[in-house]
Amino acid sequence: MSEAITPALKPAAFKGETTRTGNLKVVCGGPSFSRHPQVYLTMVDDAAGHPSHVVCPYCSHTFEYDSAMATPGAGHH
């Protein structure tokens, strides 16, 4: 009798997760088991005009901007 093969990471485990970053532009390639294209995304400003977040249109992974993680001299203009 054979056993069912299950992926190590299920799609629902990646969808909706959040990554904090100090970069204003990020790249998302999706989970390794998908055919998600590599996309380049730019942070969306909040109501005060400060970079806030961006959501990947393919996998719904959220990237949140954290200014404490930003490289000095690479701030938002």
PDB file of N, CA and C in Angstrom:
ATOM      1  N   MET A   1       0.848  -1.176   0.000  1.00  0.00           N
ATOM      2  CA  MET A   1       0.000   0.000   0.000  1.00  0.00           C
ATOM      3  C   MET A   1       0.898   1.246   0.000  1.00  0.00           C
ATOM      4  N   SER A   2       0.613   2.202  -0.839  1.00  0.00           N
ATOM      5  CA  SER A   2       1.441   3.404  -0.928  1.00  0.00           C
ATOM      6  C   SER A   2       0.906   4.514  -0.025  1.00  0.00           C
ATOM      7  N   GLU A   3       1.828   5.390   0.378  1.00  0.00           N
ATOM      8  CA  GLU A   3       1.460   6.522   1.223  1.00  0.00           C
ATOM      9  C   GLU A   3       1.284   7.755   0.352  1.00  0.00           C
ATOM     10  N   ALA A   4       0.386   8.638   0.753  1.00  0.00           N
ATOM     11  CA  ALA A   4       0.167   9.894   0.033  1.00  0.00           C
ATOM     12  C   ALA A   4       1.360  10.802   0.239  1.00  0.00           C
ATOM     13  N   ILE A   5       1.744  11.526  -0.796  1.00  0.00           N
ATOM     14  CA  ILE A   5       2.846  12.479  -0.706  1.00  0.00           C
ATOM     15  C   ILE A   5       2.259  13.849  -0.450  1.00  0.00           C
ATOM     16  N   THR A   6       2.727  14.500   0.593  1.00  0.00           N
ATOM     17  CA  THR A   6       2.239  15.839   0.917  1.00  0.00           C
ATOM     18  C   THR A   6       3.407  16.809   0.899  1.00  0.00           C
ATOM     19  N   PRO A   7       3.196  18.027   0.384  1.00  0.00           N
ATOM     20  CA  PRO A   7       4.287  19.004   0.366  1.00  0.00           C
ATOM     21  C   PRO A   7       4.669  19.422   1.783  1.00  0.00           C
ATOM     22  N   ALA A   8       5.923  19.810   1.955  1.00  0.00           N
ATOM     23  CA  ALA A   8       6.402  20.237   3.275  1.00  0.00           C
ATOM     24  C   ALA A   8       5.733  21.537   3.708  1.00  0.00           C
ATOM     25  N   LEU A   9       5.386  22.381   2.753  1.00  0.00           N
ATOM     26  CA  LEU A   9       4.743  23.644   3.043  1.00  0.00           C
ATOM     27  C   LEU A   9       3.471  23.717   2.215  1.00  0.00           C
ATOM     28  N   LYS A  10       2.341  23.816   2.864  1.00  0.00           N
ATOM     29  CA  LYS A  10       1.061  23.886   2.151  1.00  0.00           C
ATOM     30  C   LYS A  10       0.807  25.316   1.680  1.00  0.00           C
ATOM     31  N   PRO A  11       0.064  25.505   0.582  1.00  0.00           N
ATOM     32  CA  PRO A  11      -0.192  26.857   0.074  1.00  0.00           C
ATOM     33  C   PRO A  11      -0.756  27.795   1.131  1.00  0.00           C
ATOM     34  N   ALA A  12      -1.653  27.323   1.965  1.00  0.00           N
ATOM     35  CA  ALA A  12      -2.261  28.185   2.975  1.00  0.00           C
ATOM     36  C   ALA A  12      -1.231  28.678   3.991  1.00  0.00           C
ATOM     37  N   ALA A  13      -0.135  27.942   4.154  1.00  0.00           N
ATOM     38  CA  ALA A  13       0.890  28.351   5.114  1.00  0.00           C
ATOM     39  C   ALA A  13       1.645  29.582   4.631  1.00  0.00           C
ATOM     40  N   PHE A  14       1.717  29.802   3.328  1.00  0.00           N
ATOM     41  CA  PHE A  14       2.429  30.961   2.786  1.00  0.00           C
ATOM     42  C   PHE A  14       1.478  32.136   2.606  1.00  0.00           C
ATOM     43  N   LYS A  15       0.280  31.874   2.139  1.00  0.00           N
ATOM     44  CA  LYS A  15      -0.687  32.930   1.875  1.00  0.00           C
ATOM     45  C   LYS A  15      -1.028  33.676   3.162  1.00  0.00           C
ATOM     46  N   GLY A  16      -0.960  34.973   3.090  1.00  0.00           N
ATOM     47  CA  GLY A  16      -1.342  35.798   4.210  1.00  0.00           C
ATOM     48  C   GLY A  16      -0.241  36.027   5.237  1.00  0.00           C
ATOM     49  N   GLU A  17       0.927  35.430   5.044  1.00  0.00           N
ATOM     50  CA  GLU A  17       2.017  35.668   5.985  1.00  0.00           C
ATOM     51  C   GLU A  17       2.608  37.051   5.737  1.00  0.00           C
ATOM     52  N   THR A  18       3.352  37.550   6.726  1.00  0.00           N
ATOM     53  CA  THR A  18       3.922  38.890   6.642  1.00  0.00           C
ATOM     54  C   THR A  18       5.427  38.847   6.854  1.00  0.00           C
ATOM     55  N   THR A  19       6.133  39.634   6.052  1.00  0.00           N
ATOM     56  CA  THR A  19       7.575  39.786   6.190  1.00  0.00           C
ATOM     57  C   THR A  19       7.863  41.249   6.460  1.00  0.00           C
ATOM     58  N   ARG A  20       8.614  41.531   7.523  1.00  0.00           N
ATOM     59  CA  ARG A  20       9.023  42.906   7.823  1.00  0.00           C
ATOM     60  C   ARG A  20      10.352  43.162   7.131  1.00  0.00           C
ATOM     61  N   THR A  21      10.497  44.360   6.573  1.00  0.00           N
ATOM     62  CA  THR A  21      11.710  44.699   5.837  1.00  0.00           C
ATOM     63  C   THR A  21      12.019  46.187   5.949  1.00  0.00           C
ATOM     64  N   GLY A  22      13.276  46.527   5.786  1.00  0.00           N
ATOM     65  CA  GLY A  22      13.700  47.922   5.765  1.00  0.00           C
ATOM     66  C   GLY A  22      13.893  48.433   4.352  1.00  0.00           C
ATOM     67  N   ASN A  23      13.457  47.657   3.361  1.00  0.00           N
ATOM     68  CA  ASN A  23      13.585  48.043   1.953  1.00  0.00           C
ATOM     69  C   ASN A  23      12.270  48.600   1.430  1.00  0.00           C
ATOM     70  N   LEU A  24      12.358  49.631   0.599  1.00  0.00           N
ATOM     71  CA  LEU A  24      11.154  50.215   0.005  1.00  0.00           C
ATOM     72  C   LEU A  24      10.683  49.423  -1.203  1.00  0.00           C
ATOM     73  N   LYS A  25      11.583  48.636  -1.789  1.00  0.00           N
ATOM     74  CA  LYS A  25      11.233  47.781  -2.923  1.00  0.00           C
ATOM     75  C   LYS A  25      11.594  46.349  -2.557  1.00  0.00           C
ATOM     76  N   VAL A  26      10.697  45.423  -2.851  1.00  0.00           N
ATOM     77  CA  VAL A  26      10.919  44.022  -2.510  1.00  0.00           C
ATOM     78  C   VAL A  26      10.629  43.152  -3.728  1.00  0.00           C
ATOM     79  N   VAL A  27      11.105  41.916  -3.680  1.00  0.00           N
ATOM     80  CA  VAL A  27      10.835  40.956  -4.739  1.00  0.00           C
ATOM     81  C   VAL A  27      10.140  39.759  -4.100  1.00  0.00           C
ATOM     82  N   CYS A  28       9.123  39.243  -4.766  1.00  0.00           N
ATOM     83  CA  CYS A  28       8.397  38.083  -4.268  1.00  0.00           C
ATOM     84  C   CYS A  28       8.370  37.027  -5.369  1.00  0.00           C
ATOM     85  N   GLY A  29       8.768  35.835  -5.015  1.00  0.00           N
ATOM     86  CA  GLY A  29       8.769  34.724  -5.954  1.00  0.00           C
ATOM     87  C   GLY A  29       7.778  33.645  -5.551  1.00  0.00           C
ATOM     88  N   GLY A  30       7.067  33.873  -4.453  1.00  0.00           N
ATOM     89  CA  GLY A  30       6.080  32.908  -3.987  1.00  0.00           C
ATOM     90  C   GLY A  30       6.716  31.674  -3.387  1.00  0.00           C
ATOM     91  N   PRO A  31       5.873  30.746  -2.945  1.00  0.00           N
ATOM     92  CA  PRO A  31       6.387  29.501  -2.380  1.00  0.00           C
ATOM     93  C   PRO A  31       7.067  28.659  -3.457  1.00  0.00           C
ATOM     94  N   SER A  32       8.008  27.836  -3.043  1.00  0.00           N
ATOM     95  CA  SER A  32       8.816  27.069  -3.995  1.00  0.00           C
ATOM     96  C   SER A  32       8.011  26.078  -4.827  1.00  0.00           C
ATOM     97  N   PHE A  33       6.858  25.664  -4.352  1.00  0.00           N
ATOM     98  CA  PHE A  33       6.071  24.650  -5.050  1.00  0.00           C
ATOM     99  C   PHE A  33       5.082  25.253  -6.054  1.00  0.00           C
ATOM    100  N   SER A  34       5.079  26.572  -6.214  1.00  0.00           N
ATOM    101  CA  SER A  34       4.100  27.195  -7.105  1.00  0.00           C
ATOM    102  C   SER A  34       4.742  27.674  -8.405  1.00  0.00           C
ATOM    103  N   ARG A  35       3.915  28.106  -9.331  1.00  0.00           N
ATOM    104  CA  ARG A  35       4.400  28.672 -10.598  1.00  0.00           C
ATOM    105  C   ARG A  35       4.305  30.194 -10.552  1.00  0.00           C
ATOM    106  N   HIS A  36       4.422  30.745  -9.381  1.00  0.00           N
ATOM    107  CA  HIS A  36       4.366  32.173  -9.115  1.00  0.00           C
ATOM    108  C   HIS A  36       5.538  32.854  -9.816  1.00  0.00           C
ATOM    109  N   PRO A  37       5.288  33.857 -10.665  1.00  0.00           N
ATOM    110  CA  PRO A  37       6.411  34.556 -11.296  1.00  0.00           C
ATOM    111  C   PRO A  37       7.121  35.458 -10.275  1.00  0.00           C
ATOM    112  N   GLN A  38       8.357  35.770 -10.536  1.00  0.00           N
ATOM    113  CA  GLN A  38       9.089  36.689  -9.670  1.00  0.00           C
ATOM    114  C   GLN A  38       8.606  38.091  -9.990  1.00  0.00           C
ATOM    115  N   VAL A  39       8.085  38.796  -8.969  1.00  0.00           N
ATOM    116  CA  VAL A  39       7.553  40.144  -9.171  1.00  0.00           C
ATOM    117  C   VAL A  39       8.265  41.126  -8.252  1.00  0.00           C
ATOM    118  N   TYR A  40       8.422  42.340  -8.738  1.00  0.00           N
ATOM    119  CA  TYR A  40       9.053  43.410  -7.975  1.00  0.00           C
ATOM    120  C   TYR A  40       7.959  44.358  -7.509  1.00  0.00           C
ATOM    121  N   LEU A  41       7.958  44.663  -6.222  1.00  0.00           N
ATOM    122  CA  LEU A  41       6.889  45.453  -5.621  1.00  0.00           C
ATOM    123  C   LEU A  41       7.456  46.650  -4.879  1.00  0.00           C
ATOM    124  N   THR A  42       6.716  47.748  -4.861  1.00  0.00           N
ATOM    125  CA  THR A  42       7.119  48.968  -4.166  1.00  0.00           C
ATOM    126  C   THR A  42       6.133  49.242  -3.039  1.00  0.00           C
ATOM    127  N   MET A  43       6.667  49.630  -1.878  1.00  0.00           N
ATOM    128  CA  MET A  43       5.825  49.909  -0.719  1.00  0.00           C
ATOM    129  C   MET A  43       4.789  50.988  -1.026  1.00  0.00           C
ATOM    130  N   VAL A  44       3.612  50.817  -0.444  1.00  0.00           N
ATOM    131  CA  VAL A  44       2.514  51.764  -0.581  1.00  0.00           C
ATOM    132  C   VAL A  44       2.586  52.725   0.605  1.00  0.00           C
ATOM    133  N   ASP A  45       2.434  54.023   0.345  1.00  0.00           N
ATOM    134  CA  ASP A  45       2.462  55.005   1.426  1.00  0.00           C
ATOM    135  C   ASP A  45       1.151  54.992   2.205  1.00  0.00           C
ATOM    136  N   ASP A  46       1.257  55.279   3.508  1.00  0.00           N
ATOM    137  CA  ASP A  46       0.053  55.400   4.326  1.00  0.00           C
ATOM    138  C   ASP A  46      -0.518  56.809   4.159  1.00  0.00           C
ATOM    139  N   ALA A  47      -1.536  57.151   4.919  1.00  0.00           N
ATOM    140  CA  ALA A  47      -2.206  58.448   4.787  1.00  0.00           C
ATOM    141  C   ALA A  47      -1.271  59.618   5.078  1.00  0.00           C
ATOM    142  N   ALA A  48      -0.245  59.399   5.893  1.00  0.00           N
ATOM    143  CA  ALA A  48       0.703  60.460   6.231  1.00  0.00           C
ATOM    144  C   ALA A  48       1.844  60.566   5.214  1.00  0.00           C
ATOM    145  N   GLY A  49       1.847  59.696   4.205  1.00  0.00           N
ATOM    146  CA  GLY A  49       2.878  59.735   3.181  1.00  0.00           C
ATOM    147  C   GLY A  49       4.128  58.952   3.511  1.00  0.00           C
ATOM    148  N   HIS A  50       4.056  58.086   4.528  1.00  0.00           N
ATOM    149  CA  HIS A  50       5.196  57.259   4.917  1.00  0.00           C
ATOM    150  C   HIS A  50       5.027  55.855   4.339  1.00  0.00           C
ATOM    151  N   PRO A  51       6.113  55.213   3.915  1.00  0.00           N
ATOM    152  CA  PRO A  51       5.991  53.857   3.370  1.00  0.00           C
ATOM    153  C   PRO A  51       5.400  52.927   4.424  1.00  0.00           C
ATOM    154  N   SER A  52       4.493  52.093   3.999  1.00  0.00           N
ATOM    155  CA  SER A  52       3.763  51.267   4.941  1.00  0.00           C
ATOM    156  C   SER A  52       3.893  49.775   4.654  1.00  0.00           C
ATOM    157  N   HIS A  53       3.383  49.358   3.489  1.00  0.00           N
ATOM    158  CA  HIS A  53       3.339  47.928   3.178  1.00  0.00           C
ATOM    159  C   HIS A  53       3.066  47.715   1.685  1.00  0.00           C
ATOM    160  N   VAL A  54       3.145  46.458   1.269  1.00  0.00           N
ATOM    161  CA  VAL A  54       2.734  46.065  -0.076  1.00  0.00           C
ATOM    162  C   VAL A  54       2.300  44.604  -0.003  1.00  0.00           C
ATOM    163  N   VAL A  55       1.274  44.247  -0.785  1.00  0.00           N
ATOM    164  CA  VAL A  55       0.752  42.884  -0.816  1.00  0.00           C
ATOM    165  C   VAL A  55       0.975  42.311  -2.211  1.00  0.00           C
ATOM    166  N   CYS A  56       1.554  41.130  -2.279  1.00  0.00           N
ATOM    167  CA  CYS A  56       1.790  40.489  -3.571  1.00  0.00           C
ATOM    168  C   CYS A  56       0.451  40.118  -4.209  1.00  0.00           C
ATOM    169  N   PRO A  57       0.232  40.521  -5.460  1.00  0.00           N
ATOM    170  CA  PRO A  57      -1.044  40.212  -6.119  1.00  0.00           C
ATOM    171  C   PRO A  57      -1.205  38.738  -6.481  1.00  0.00           C
ATOM    172  N   TYR A  58      -0.114  37.970  -6.464  1.00  0.00           N
ATOM    173  CA  TYR A  58      -0.189  36.549  -6.819  1.00  0.00           C
ATOM    174  C   TYR A  58      -0.445  35.644  -5.629  1.00  0.00           C
ATOM    175  N   CYS A  59       0.234  35.910  -4.503  1.00  0.00           N
ATOM    176  CA  CYS A  59       0.142  34.977  -3.374  1.00  0.00           C
ATOM    177  C   CYS A  59      -0.374  35.612  -2.088  1.00  0.00           C
ATOM    178  N   SER A  60      -0.658  36.902  -2.106  1.00  0.00           N
ATOM    179  CA  SER A  60      -1.167  37.641  -0.941  1.00  0.00           C
ATOM    180  C   SER A  60      -0.173  37.748   0.208  1.00  0.00           C
ATOM    181  N   HIS A  61       1.101  37.478  -0.061  1.00  0.00           N
ATOM    182  CA  HIS A  61       2.119  37.657   0.975  1.00  0.00           C
ATOM    183  C   HIS A  61       2.277  39.158   1.199  1.00  0.00           C
ATOM    184  N   THR A  62       2.301  39.578   2.467  1.00  0.00           N
ATOM    185  CA  THR A  62       2.409  40.987   2.811  1.00  0.00           C
ATOM    186  C   THR A  62       3.831  41.309   3.255  1.00  0.00           C
ATOM    187  N   PHE A  63       4.348  42.414   2.753  1.00  0.00           N
ATOM    188  CA  PHE A  63       5.636  42.934   3.180  1.00  0.00           C
ATOM    189  C   PHE A  63       5.360  44.241   3.905  1.00  0.00           C
ATOM    190  N   GLU A  64       5.810  44.354   5.155  1.00  0.00           N
ATOM    191  CA  GLU A  64       5.619  45.575   5.942  1.00  0.00           C
ATOM    192  C   GLU A  64       6.941  46.311   6.065  1.00  0.00           C
ATOM    193  N   TYR A  65       6.893  47.629   5.858  1.00  0.00           N
ATOM    194  CA  TYR A  65       8.101  48.451   5.976  1.00  0.00           C
ATOM    195  C   TYR A  65       8.361  48.759   7.440  1.00  0.00           C
ATOM    196  N   ASP A  66       9.598  48.551   7.865  1.00  0.00           N
ATOM    197  CA  ASP A  66      10.030  48.848   9.226  1.00  0.00           C
ATOM    198  C   ASP A  66      11.252  49.756   9.121  1.00  0.00           C
ATOM    199  N   SER A  67      11.075  51.031   9.446  1.00  0.00           N
ATOM    200  CA  SER A  67      12.171  51.993   9.296  1.00  0.00           C
ATOM    201  C   SER A  67      13.364  51.652  10.189  1.00  0.00           C
ATOM    202  N   ALA A  68      13.135  50.931  11.279  1.00  0.00           N
ATOM    203  CA  ALA A  68      14.246  50.527  12.151  1.00  0.00           C
ATOM    204  C   ALA A  68      15.168  49.533  11.459  1.00  0.00           C
ATOM    205  N   MET A  69      14.677  48.859  10.441  1.00  0.00           N
ATOM    206  CA  MET A  69      15.472  47.883   9.707  1.00  0.00           C
ATOM    207  C   MET A  69      16.136  48.489   8.472  1.00  0.00           C
ATOM    208  N   ALA A  70      15.815  49.756   8.170  1.00  0.00           N
ATOM    209  CA  ALA A  70      16.337  50.410   6.966  1.00  0.00           C
ATOM    210  C   ALA A  70      17.827  50.687   7.081  1.00  0.00           C
ATOM    211  N   THR A  71      18.497  50.635   5.938  1.00  0.00           N
ATOM    212  CA  THR A  71      19.914  50.964   5.878  1.00  0.00           C
ATOM    213  C   THR A  71      20.050  52.488   5.990  1.00  0.00           C
ATOM    214  N   PRO A  72      20.932  52.988   6.852  1.00  0.00           N
ATOM    215  CA  PRO A  72      21.111  54.450   6.971  1.00  0.00           C
ATOM    216  C   PRO A  72      21.422  55.078   5.604  1.00  0.00           C
ATOM    217  N   GLY A  73      20.770  56.205   5.333  1.00  0.00           N
ATOM    218  CA  GLY A  73      20.986  56.901   4.078  1.00  0.00           C
ATOM    219  C   GLY A  73      20.096  56.432   2.943  1.00  0.00           C
ATOM    220  N   ALA A  74      19.286  55.391   3.196  1.00  0.00           N
ATOM    221  CA  ALA A  74      18.400  54.861   2.149  1.00  0.00           C
ATOM    222  C   ALA A  74      16.937  55.127   2.505  1.00  0.00           C
ATOM    223  N   GLY A  75      16.678  56.219   3.199  1.00  0.00           N
ATOM    224  CA  GLY A  75      15.342  56.537   3.663  1.00  0.00           C
ATOM    225  C   GLY A  75      14.380  56.902   2.558  1.00  0.00           C
ATOM    226  N   HIS A  76      13.135  57.125   2.952  1.00  0.00           N
ATOM    227  CA  HIS A  76      12.053  57.496   2.036  1.00  0.00           C
ATOM    228  C   HIS A  76      12.176  58.976   1.712  1.00  0.00           C
ATOM    229  N   HIS A  77      12.056  59.328   0.448  1.00  0.00           N
ATOM    230  CA  HIS A  77      12.180  60.730   0.022  1.00  0.00           C
ATOM    231  C   HIS A  77      10.829  61.355  -0.114  1.00  0.00           C
TER     232      HIS A  77
END
